[in-house]
Amino acid sequence: MKTIVLETPTTFKLTDTPFPGEPGPGQALVRVRRVGICGTDLHAFEGKQPFFNYPRILGHELGCEVLAVGPTEGRPPVAVGDNVSIQPYMSCGRCSP
């Protein structure tokens, strides 16, 4: 799949990223359909976010479509084809965000 990476401040690069595979229990695989650009992204692009590391994938305001869901037990309450938004700052605490 294609990913736009901010390699260094002001420098984007289009890269090929491995497909993440099928979702496990409590997971869903989504396709990003829309991304909002906010002040945080602009500051990162300009190199004005002192706590950010590079390379970095920007965009944390997402509108997505559910492509697949993990096994029934512990699965998120979504179905294939659902439109969802993402809250990337919340984590289950059991996996790497």
PDB file of N, CA and C in Angstrom:
ATOM      1  N   MET A   1       0.840  -1.163   0.000  1.00  0.00           N
ATOM      2  CA  MET A   1       0.000   0.000   0.000  1.00  0.00           C
ATOM      3  C   MET A   1       0.889   1.232   0.000  1.00  0.00           C
ATOM      4  N   LYS A   2       0.349   2.345  -0.422  1.00  0.00           N
ATOM      5  CA  LYS A   2       1.110   3.591  -0.521  1.00  0.00           C
ATOM      6  C   LYS A   2       0.969   4.407   0.762  1.00  0.00           C
ATOM      7  N   THR A   3       2.062   5.015   1.178  1.00  0.00           N
ATOM      8  CA  THR A   3       2.085   5.855   2.368  1.00  0.00           C
ATOM      9  C   THR A   3       2.878   7.112   2.052  1.00  0.00           C
ATOM     10  N   ILE A   4       2.360   8.258   2.474  1.00  0.00           N
ATOM     11  CA  ILE A   4       3.109   9.507   2.332  1.00  0.00           C
ATOM     12  C   ILE A   4       3.789   9.766   3.668  1.00  0.00           C
ATOM     13  N   VAL A   5       5.115   9.826   3.648  1.00  0.00           N
ATOM     14  CA  VAL A   5       5.914   9.978   4.859  1.00  0.00           C
ATOM     15  C   VAL A   5       6.598  11.339   4.843  1.00  0.00           C
ATOM     16  N   LEU A   6       6.532  12.039   5.960  1.00  0.00           N
ATOM     17  CA  LEU A   6       7.303  13.268   6.122  1.00  0.00           C
ATOM     18  C   LEU A   6       8.689  12.832   6.578  1.00  0.00           C
ATOM     19  N   GLU A   7       9.629  12.790   5.641  1.00  0.00           N
ATOM     20  CA  GLU A   7      10.981  12.292   5.913  1.00  0.00           C
ATOM     21  C   GLU A   7      11.746  13.222   6.854  1.00  0.00           C
ATOM     22  N   THR A   8      11.695  14.495   6.554  1.00  0.00           N
ATOM     23  CA  THR A   8      12.298  15.552   7.358  1.00  0.00           C
ATOM     24  C   THR A   8      11.359  16.744   7.229  1.00  0.00           C
ATOM     25  N   PRO A   9      11.495  17.749   8.080  1.00  0.00           N
ATOM     26  CA  PRO A   9      10.633  18.911   7.898  1.00  0.00           C
ATOM     27  C   PRO A   9      10.670  19.401   6.449  1.00  0.00           C
ATOM     28  N   THR A  10       9.521  19.630   5.882  1.00  0.00           N
ATOM     29  CA  THR A  10       9.252  20.126   4.522  1.00  0.00           C
ATOM     30  C   THR A  10       9.525  19.116   3.409  1.00  0.00           C
ATOM     31  N   THR A  11       9.850  17.855   3.725  1.00  0.00           N
ATOM     32  CA  THR A  11      10.174  16.877   2.682  1.00  0.00           C
ATOM     33  C   THR A  11       9.306  15.626   2.809  1.00  0.00           C
ATOM     34  N   PHE A  12       8.355  15.480   1.864  1.00  0.00           N
ATOM     35  CA  PHE A  12       7.508  14.293   1.814  1.00  0.00           C
ATOM     36  C   PHE A  12       8.089  13.278   0.844  1.00  0.00           C
ATOM     37  N   LYS A  13       7.771  11.985   1.094  1.00  0.00           N
ATOM     38  CA  LYS A  13       8.186  10.911   0.194  1.00  0.00           C
ATOM     39  C   LYS A  13       7.048   9.897   0.114  1.00  0.00           C
ATOM     40  N   LEU A  14       6.685   9.489  -1.109  1.00  0.00           N
ATOM     41  CA  LEU A  14       5.685   8.446  -1.318  1.00  0.00           C
ATOM     42  C   LEU A  14       6.396   7.098  -1.225  1.00  0.00           C
ATOM     43  N   THR A  15       5.939   6.234  -0.319  1.00  0.00           N
ATOM     44  CA  THR A  15       6.611   4.957  -0.099  1.00  0.00           C
ATOM     45  C   THR A  15       5.626   3.800  -0.233  1.00  0.00           C
ATOM     46  N   ASP A  16       6.174   2.611  -0.417  1.00  0.00           N
ATOM     47  CA  ASP A  16       5.393   1.377  -0.371  1.00  0.00           C
ATOM     48  C   ASP A  16       5.527   0.807   1.034  1.00  0.00           C
ATOM     49  N   THR A  17       4.396   0.529   1.671  1.00  0.00           N
ATOM     50  CA  THR A  17       4.369  -0.006   3.026  1.00  0.00           C
ATOM     51  C   THR A  17       3.738  -1.390   2.975  1.00  0.00           C
ATOM     52  N   PRO A  18       4.289  -2.356   3.708  1.00  0.00           N
ATOM     53  CA  PRO A  18       3.693  -3.697   3.692  1.00  0.00           C
ATOM     54  C   PRO A  18       2.242  -3.679   4.170  1.00  0.00           C
ATOM     55  N   PHE A  19       1.420  -4.501   3.545  1.00  0.00           N
ATOM     56  CA  PHE A  19       0.030  -4.658   3.958  1.00  0.00           C
ATOM     57  C   PHE A  19       0.019  -5.217   5.376  1.00  0.00           C
ATOM     58  N   PRO A  20      -0.815  -4.688   6.272  1.00  0.00           N
ATOM     59  CA  PRO A  20      -0.760  -5.115   7.673  1.00  0.00           C
ATOM     60  C   PRO A  20      -1.283  -6.517   7.950  1.00  0.00           C
ATOM     61  N   GLY A  21      -1.939  -7.138   7.001  1.00  0.00           N
ATOM     62  CA  GLY A  21      -2.462  -8.487   7.217  1.00  0.00           C
ATOM     63  C   GLY A  21      -3.866  -8.470   7.797  1.00  0.00           C
ATOM     64  N   GLU A  22      -4.370  -9.643   8.084  1.00  0.00           N
ATOM     65  CA  GLU A  22      -5.734  -9.774   8.602  1.00  0.00           C
ATOM     66  C   GLU A  22      -5.791  -9.335  10.060  1.00  0.00           C
ATOM     67  N   PRO A  23      -6.901  -8.719  10.463  1.00  0.00           N
ATOM     68  CA  PRO A  23      -7.025  -8.270  11.850  1.00  0.00           C
ATOM     69  C   PRO A  23      -7.188  -9.440  12.814  1.00  0.00           C
ATOM     70  N   GLY A  24      -6.625  -9.269  13.994  1.00  0.00           N
ATOM     71  CA  GLY A  24      -6.753 -10.266  15.050  1.00  0.00           C
ATOM     72  C   GLY A  24      -7.958  -9.963  15.927  1.00  0.00           C
ATOM     73  N   PRO A  25      -8.114 -10.706  17.024  1.00  0.00           N
ATOM     74  CA  PRO A  25      -9.229 -10.471  17.942  1.00  0.00           C
ATOM     75  C   PRO A  25      -9.229  -9.026  18.451  1.00  0.00           C
ATOM     76  N   GLY A  26     -10.399  -8.404  18.444  1.00  0.00           N
ATOM     77  CA  GLY A  26     -10.524  -7.037  18.926  1.00  0.00           C
ATOM     78  C   GLY A  26     -10.000  -5.993  17.968  1.00  0.00           C
ATOM     79  N   GLN A  27      -9.701  -6.379  16.730  1.00  0.00           N
ATOM     80  CA  GLN A  27      -9.139  -5.450  15.755  1.00  0.00           C
ATOM     81  C   GLN A  27     -10.029  -5.339  14.520  1.00  0.00           C
ATOM     82  N   ALA A  28      -9.829  -4.256  13.785  1.00  0.00           N
ATOM     83  CA  ALA A  28     -10.481  -4.069  12.490  1.00  0.00           C
ATOM     84  C   ALA A  28      -9.453  -3.492  11.527  1.00  0.00           C
ATOM     85  N   LEU A  29      -9.537  -3.883  10.278  1.00  0.00           N
ATOM     86  CA  LEU A  29      -8.697  -3.320   9.229  1.00  0.00           C
ATOM     87  C   LEU A  29      -9.523  -2.266   8.513  1.00  0.00           C
ATOM     88  N   VAL A  30      -8.973  -1.060   8.376  1.00  0.00           N
ATOM     89  CA  VAL A  30      -9.708   0.035   7.749  1.00  0.00           C
ATOM     90  C   VAL A  30      -8.929   0.612   6.580  1.00  0.00           C
ATOM     91  N   ARG A  31      -9.672   1.179   5.640  1.00  0.00           N
ATOM     92  CA  ARG A  31      -9.083   1.938   4.529  1.00  0.00           C
ATOM     93  C   ARG A  31      -9.363   3.407   4.806  1.00  0.00           C
ATOM     94  N   VAL A  32      -8.312   4.202   4.820  1.00  0.00           N
ATOM     95  CA  VAL A  32      -8.475   5.635   5.051  1.00  0.00           C
ATOM     96  C   VAL A  32      -9.075   6.251   3.795  1.00  0.00           C
ATOM     97  N   ARG A  33     -10.191   6.944   3.971  1.00  0.00           N
ATOM     98  CA  ARG A  33     -10.873   7.615   2.861  1.00  0.00           C
ATOM     99  C   ARG A  33     -10.660   9.124   2.892  1.00  0.00           C
ATOM    100  N   ARG A  34     -10.541   9.687   4.081  1.00  0.00           N
ATOM    101  CA  ARG A  34     -10.348  11.134   4.235  1.00  0.00           C
ATOM    102  C   ARG A  34      -9.404  11.388   5.401  1.00  0.00           C
ATOM    103  N   VAL A  35      -8.574  12.421   5.259  1.00  0.00           N
ATOM    104  CA  VAL A  35      -7.678  12.844   6.331  1.00  0.00           C
ATOM    105  C   VAL A  35      -7.767  14.350   6.454  1.00  0.00           C
ATOM    106  N   GLY A  36      -7.958  14.832   7.670  1.00  0.00           N
ATOM    107  CA  GLY A  36      -7.934  16.268   7.914  1.00  0.00           C
ATOM    108  C   GLY A  36      -6.510  16.715   8.210  1.00  0.00           C
ATOM    109  N   ILE A  37      -6.197  17.922   7.818  1.00  0.00           N
ATOM    110  CA  ILE A  37      -4.894  18.509   8.134  1.00  0.00           C
ATOM    111  C   ILE A  37      -5.137  19.608   9.157  1.00  0.00           C
ATOM    112  N   CYS A  38      -4.445  19.521  10.283  1.00  0.00           N
ATOM    113  CA  CYS A  38      -4.661  20.503  11.342  1.00  0.00           C
ATOM    114  C   CYS A  38      -3.351  21.217  11.667  1.00  0.00           C
ATOM    115  N   GLY A  39      -3.400  22.071  12.657  1.00  0.00           N
ATOM    116  CA  GLY A  39      -2.225  22.839  13.054  1.00  0.00           C
ATOM    117  C   GLY A  39      -1.054  21.969  13.464  1.00  0.00           C
ATOM    118  N   THR A  40      -1.325  20.846  14.125  1.00  0.00           N
ATOM    119  CA  THR A  40      -0.251  19.935  14.522  1.00  0.00           C
ATOM    120  C   THR A  40       0.510  19.441  13.298  1.00  0.00           C
ATOM    121  N   ASP A  41      -0.224  19.077  12.242  1.00  0.00           N
ATOM    122  CA  ASP A  41       0.414  18.602  11.014  1.00  0.00           C
ATOM    123  C   ASP A  41       1.243  19.708  10.366  1.00  0.00           C
ATOM    124  N   LEU A  42       0.694  20.911  10.333  1.00  0.00           N
ATOM    125  CA  LEU A  42       1.432  22.032   9.738  1.00  0.00           C
ATOM    126  C   LEU A  42       2.703  22.336  10.521  1.00  0.00           C
ATOM    127  N   HIS A  43       2.618  22.299  11.847  1.00  0.00           N
ATOM    128  CA  HIS A  43       3.813  22.538  12.655  1.00  0.00           C
ATOM    129  C   HIS A  43       4.849  21.435  12.440  1.00  0.00           C
ATOM    130  N   ALA A  44       4.396  20.190  12.325  1.00  0.00           N
ATOM    131  CA  ALA A  44       5.321  19.085  12.054  1.00  0.00           C
ATOM    132  C   ALA A  44       5.994  19.281  10.705  1.00  0.00           C
ATOM    133  N   PHE A  45       5.222  19.674   9.692  1.00  0.00           N
ATOM    134  CA  PHE A  45       5.778  19.921   8.361  1.00  0.00           C
ATOM    135  C   PHE A  45       6.842  21.014   8.408  1.00  0.00           C
ATOM    136  N   GLU A  46       6.585  22.044   9.195  1.00  0.00           N
ATOM    137  CA  GLU A  46       7.523  23.166   9.300  1.00  0.00           C
ATOM    138  C   GLU A  46       8.687  22.879  10.245  1.00  0.00           C
ATOM    139  N   GLY A  47       8.671  21.736  10.933  1.00  0.00           N
ATOM    140  CA  GLY A  47       9.731  21.413  11.881  1.00  0.00           C
ATOM    141  C   GLY A  47       9.592  22.131  13.207  1.00  0.00           C
ATOM    142  N   LYS A  48       8.378  22.561  13.532  1.00  0.00           N
ATOM    143  CA  LYS A  48       8.147  23.347  14.744  1.00  0.00           C
ATOM    144  C   LYS A  48       7.464  22.544  15.853  1.00  0.00           C
ATOM    145  N   GLN A  49       7.585  21.226  15.800  1.00  0.00           N
ATOM    146  CA  GLN A  49       7.086  20.365  16.873  1.00  0.00           C
ATOM    147  C   GLN A  49       8.311  19.726  17.523  1.00  0.00           C
ATOM    148  N   PRO A  50       8.837  20.293  18.594  1.00  0.00           N
ATOM    149  CA  PRO A  50      10.100  19.819  19.163  1.00  0.00           C
ATOM    150  C   PRO A  50      10.060  18.389  19.687  1.00  0.00           C
ATOM    151  N   PHE A  51       8.884  17.849  19.986  1.00  0.00           N
ATOM    152  CA  PHE A  51       8.795  16.491  20.518  1.00  0.00           C
ATOM    153  C   PHE A  51       8.534  15.447  19.436  1.00  0.00           C
ATOM    154  N   PHE A  52       8.484  15.843  18.158  1.00  0.00           N
ATOM    155  CA  PHE A  52       8.274  14.894  17.062  1.00  0.00           C
ATOM    156  C   PHE A  52       9.609  14.379  16.547  1.00  0.00           C
ATOM    157  N   ASN A  53       9.603  13.106  16.131  1.00  0.00           N
ATOM    158  CA  ASN A  53      10.745  12.502  15.452  1.00  0.00           C
ATOM    159  C   ASN A  53      10.391  12.330  13.988  1.00  0.00           C
ATOM    160  N   TYR A  54      11.396  12.245  13.157  1.00  0.00           N
ATOM    161  CA  TYR A  54      11.223  12.035  11.720  1.00  0.00           C
ATOM    162  C   TYR A  54      12.036  10.812  11.327  1.00  0.00           C
ATOM    163  N   PRO A  55      11.592  10.051  10.343  1.00  0.00           N
ATOM    164  CA  PRO A  55      10.411  10.230   9.505  1.00  0.00           C
ATOM    165  C   PRO A  55       9.132  10.020  10.312  1.00  0.00           C
ATOM    166  N   ARG A  56       8.042  10.590   9.786  1.00  0.00           N
ATOM    167  CA  ARG A  56       6.762  10.596  10.495  1.00  0.00           C
ATOM    168  C   ARG A  56       5.615  10.554   9.479  1.00  0.00           C
ATOM    169  N   ILE A  57       4.572   9.801   9.799  1.00  0.00           N
ATOM    170  CA  ILE A  57       3.359   9.791   8.989  1.00  0.00           C
ATOM    171  C   ILE A  57       2.382  10.753   9.644  1.00  0.00           C
ATOM    172  N   LEU A  58       1.978  11.768   8.913  1.00  0.00           N
ATOM    173  CA  LEU A  58       1.067  12.773   9.446  1.00  0.00           C
ATOM    174  C   LEU A  58      -0.388  12.336   9.271  1.00  0.00           C
ATOM    175  N   GLY A  59      -1.272  13.081   9.903  1.00  0.00           N
ATOM    176  CA  GLY A  59      -2.705  12.847   9.752  1.00  0.00           C
ATOM    177  C   GLY A  59      -3.260  12.036  10.893  1.00  0.00           C
ATOM    178  N   HIS A  60      -4.075  12.656  11.721  1.00  0.00           N
ATOM    179  CA  HIS A  60      -4.679  11.941  12.839  1.00  0.00           C
ATOM    180  C   HIS A  60      -6.173  12.231  12.948  1.00  0.00           C
ATOM    181  N   GLU A  61      -6.721  12.878  11.947  1.00  0.00           N
ATOM    182  CA  GLU A  61      -8.170  13.107  11.873  1.00  0.00           C
ATOM    183  C   GLU A  61      -8.660  12.324  10.660  1.00  0.00           C
ATOM    184  N   LEU A  62      -9.150  11.108  10.904  1.00  0.00           N
ATOM    185  CA  LEU A  62      -9.374  10.150   9.823  1.00  0.00           C
ATOM    186  C   LEU A  62     -10.838   9.759   9.668  1.00  0.00           C
ATOM    187  N   GLY A  63     -11.268   9.637   8.416  1.00  0.00           N
ATOM    188  CA  GLY A  63     -12.537   9.023   8.061  1.00  0.00           C
ATOM    189  C   GLY A  63     -12.213   7.759   7.292  1.00  0.00           C
ATOM    190  N   CYS A  64     -12.706   6.607   7.751  1.00  0.00           N
ATOM    191  CA  CYS A  64     -12.290   5.319   7.194  1.00  0.00           C
ATOM    192  C   CYS A  64     -13.483   4.425   6.874  1.00  0.00           C
ATOM    193  N   GLU A  65     -13.197   3.396   6.077  1.00  0.00           N
ATOM    194  CA  GLU A  65     -14.158   2.335   5.764  1.00  0.00           C
ATOM    195  C   GLU A  65     -13.605   1.032   6.328  1.00  0.00           C
ATOM    196  N   VAL A  66     -14.435   0.254   7.003  1.00  0.00           N
ATOM    197  CA  VAL A  66     -14.009  -1.027   7.561  1.00  0.00           C
ATOM    198  C   VAL A  66     -13.904  -2.048   6.428  1.00  0.00           C
ATOM    199  N   LEU A  67     -12.720  -2.649   6.279  1.00  0.00           N
ATOM    200  CA  LEU A  67     -12.489  -3.660   5.242  1.00  0.00           C
ATOM    201  C   LEU A  67     -12.613  -5.078   5.775  1.00  0.00           C
ATOM    202  N   ALA A  68     -12.212  -5.284   7.021  1.00  0.00           N
ATOM    203  CA  ALA A  68     -12.260  -6.619   7.625  1.00  0.00           C
ATOM    204  C   ALA A  68     -12.307  -6.455   9.139  1.00  0.00           C
ATOM    205  N   VAL A  69     -12.880  -7.443   9.803  1.00  0.00           N
ATOM    206  CA  VAL A  69     -12.908  -7.443  11.265  1.00  0.00           C
ATOM    207  C   VAL A  69     -12.334  -8.758  11.766  1.00  0.00           C
ATOM    208  N   GLY A  70     -11.745  -8.699  12.952  1.00  0.00           N
ATOM    209  CA  GLY A  70     -11.156  -9.892  13.549  1.00  0.00           C
ATOM    210  C   GLY A  70     -12.213 -10.865  14.033  1.00  0.00           C
ATOM    211  N   PRO A  71     -11.768 -11.956  14.648  1.00  0.00           N
ATOM    212  CA  PRO A  71     -12.695 -12.954  15.184  1.00  0.00           C
ATOM    213  C   PRO A  71     -13.733 -12.333  16.112  1.00  0.00           C
ATOM    214  N   THR A  72     -14.880 -12.990  16.209  1.00  0.00           N
ATOM    215  CA  THR A  72     -16.029 -12.464  16.942  1.00  0.00           C
ATOM    216  C   THR A  72     -15.699 -12.083  18.379  1.00  0.00           C
ATOM    217  N   GLU A  73     -15.000 -12.929  19.107  1.00  0.00           N
ATOM    218  CA  GLU A  73     -14.709 -12.644  20.514  1.00  0.00           C
ATOM    219  C   GLU A  73     -13.785 -11.433  20.639  1.00  0.00           C
ATOM    220  N   GLY A  74     -14.236 -10.429  21.345  1.00  0.00           N
ATOM    221  CA  GLY A  74     -13.428  -9.235  21.557  1.00  0.00           C
ATOM    222  C   GLY A  74     -13.370  -8.306  20.364  1.00  0.00           C
ATOM    223  N   ARG A  75     -14.165  -8.587  19.352  1.00  0.00           N
ATOM    224  CA  ARG A  75     -14.145  -7.789  18.124  1.00  0.00           C
ATOM    225  C   ARG A  75     -14.805  -6.438  18.358  1.00  0.00           C
ATOM    226  N   PRO A  76     -14.308  -5.392  17.701  1.00  0.00           N
ATOM    227  CA  PRO A  76     -14.976  -4.094  17.807  1.00  0.00           C
ATOM    228  C   PRO A  76     -16.406  -4.186  17.271  1.00  0.00           C
ATOM    229  N   PRO A  77     -17.321  -3.365  17.766  1.00  0.00           N
ATOM    230  CA  PRO A  77     -18.719  -3.430  17.314  1.00  0.00           C
ATOM    231  C   PRO A  77     -18.914  -2.748  15.963  1.00  0.00           C
ATOM    232  N   VAL A  78     -18.198  -3.210  14.970  1.00  0.00           N
ATOM    233  CA  VAL A  78     -18.312  -2.673  13.613  1.00  0.00           C
ATOM    234  C   VAL A  78     -18.427  -3.831  12.640  1.00  0.00           C
ATOM    235  N   ALA A  79     -18.890  -3.521  11.433  1.00  0.00           N
ATOM    236  CA  ALA A  79     -19.041  -4.537  10.397  1.00  0.00           C
ATOM    237  C   ALA A  79     -18.348  -4.061   9.126  1.00  0.00           C
ATOM    238  N   VAL A  80     -17.983  -5.010   8.291  1.00  0.00           N
ATOM    239  CA  VAL A  80     -17.382  -4.677   7.000  1.00  0.00           C
ATOM    240  C   VAL A  80     -18.316  -3.729   6.256  1.00  0.00           C
ATOM    241  N   GLY A  81     -17.751  -2.655   5.716  1.00  0.00           N
ATOM    242  CA  GLY A  81     -18.524  -1.660   4.983  1.00  0.00           C
ATOM    243  C   GLY A  81     -18.919  -0.459   5.820  1.00  0.00           C
ATOM    244  N   ASP A  82     -18.814  -0.567   7.149  1.00  0.00           N
ATOM    245  CA  ASP A  82     -19.139   0.575   8.013  1.00  0.00           C
ATOM    246  C   ASP A  82     -18.168   1.724   7.764  1.00  0.00           C
ATOM    247  N   ASN A  83     -18.677   2.937   7.885  1.00  0.00           N
ATOM    248  CA  ASN A  83     -17.828   4.128   7.879  1.00  0.00           C
ATOM    249  C   ASN A  83     -17.536   4.481   9.330  1.00  0.00           C
ATOM    250  N   VAL A  84     -16.272   4.718   9.637  1.00  0.00           N
ATOM    251  CA  VAL A  84     -15.861   4.989  11.013  1.00  0.00           C
ATOM    252  C   VAL A  84     -14.878   6.152  11.051  1.00  0.00           C
ATOM    253  N   SER A  85     -14.757   6.746  12.219  1.00  0.00           N
ATOM    254  CA  SER A  85     -13.694   7.721  12.451  1.00  0.00           C
ATOM    255  C   SER A  85     -12.733   7.106  13.462  1.00  0.00           C
ATOM    256  N   ILE A  86     -11.538   7.636  13.513  1.00  0.00           N
ATOM    257  CA  ILE A  86     -10.478   7.063  14.342  1.00  0.00           C
ATOM    258  C   ILE A  86     -10.069   8.062  15.414  1.00  0.00           C
ATOM    259  N   GLN A  87      -9.882   7.581  16.634  1.00  0.00           N
ATOM    260  CA  GLN A  87      -9.318   8.381  17.719  1.00  0.00           C
ATOM    261  C   GLN A  87      -7.940   7.788  18.022  1.00  0.00           C
ATOM    262  N   PRO A  88      -6.895   8.299  17.350  1.00  0.00           N
ATOM    263  CA  PRO A  88      -5.581   7.662  17.458  1.00  0.00           C
ATOM    264  C   PRO A  88      -4.875   7.880  18.786  1.00  0.00           C
ATOM    265  N   TYR A  89      -5.405   8.723  19.638  1.00  0.00           N
ATOM    266  CA  TYR A  89      -4.729   8.986  20.903  1.00  0.00           C
ATOM    267  C   TYR A  89      -5.222   8.091  22.025  1.00  0.00           C
ATOM    268  N   MET A  90      -6.149   7.200  21.711  1.00  0.00           N
ATOM    269  CA  MET A  90      -6.622   6.247  22.708  1.00  0.00           C
ATOM    270  C   MET A  90      -6.099   4.876  22.305  1.00  0.00           C
ATOM    271  N   SER A  91      -5.609   4.123  23.267  1.00  0.00           N
ATOM    272  CA  SER A  91      -5.020   2.822  22.985  1.00  0.00           C
ATOM    273  C   SER A  91      -5.598   1.784  23.938  1.00  0.00           C
ATOM    274  N   CYS A  92      -5.646   0.559  23.478  1.00  0.00           N
ATOM    275  CA  CYS A  92      -6.104  -0.527  24.343  1.00  0.00           C
ATOM    276  C   CYS A  92      -5.072  -0.817  25.428  1.00  0.00           C
ATOM    277  N   GLY A  93      -3.833  -0.400  25.210  1.00  0.00           N
ATOM    278  CA  GLY A  93      -2.774  -0.638  26.172  1.00  0.00           C
ATOM    279  C   GLY A  93      -2.177  -2.027  26.098  1.00  0.00           C
ATOM    280  N   ARG A  94      -2.693  -2.860  25.205  1.00  0.00           N
ATOM    281  CA  ARG A  94      -2.199  -4.226  25.070  1.00  0.00           C
ATOM    282  C   ARG A  94      -1.314  -4.411  23.854  1.00  0.00           C
ATOM    283  N   CYS A  95      -1.373  -3.469  22.933  1.00  0.00           N
ATOM    284  CA  CYS A  95      -0.577  -3.612  21.722  1.00  0.00           C
ATOM    285  C   CYS A  95       0.157  -2.306  21.449  1.00  0.00           C
ATOM    286  N   SER A  96       1.083  -2.361  20.535  1.00  0.00           N
ATOM    287  CA  SER A  96       1.845  -1.171  20.174  1.00  0.00           C
ATOM    288  C   SER A  96       0.979  -0.271  19.311  1.00  0.00           C
ATOM    289  N   PRO A  97       0.800   0.994  19.697  1.00  0.00           N
ATOM    290  CA  PRO A  97      -0.057   1.887  18.895  1.00  0.00           C
ATOM    291  C   PRO A  97       0.553   2.197  17.538  1.00  0.00           C
TER     292      PRO A  97
END
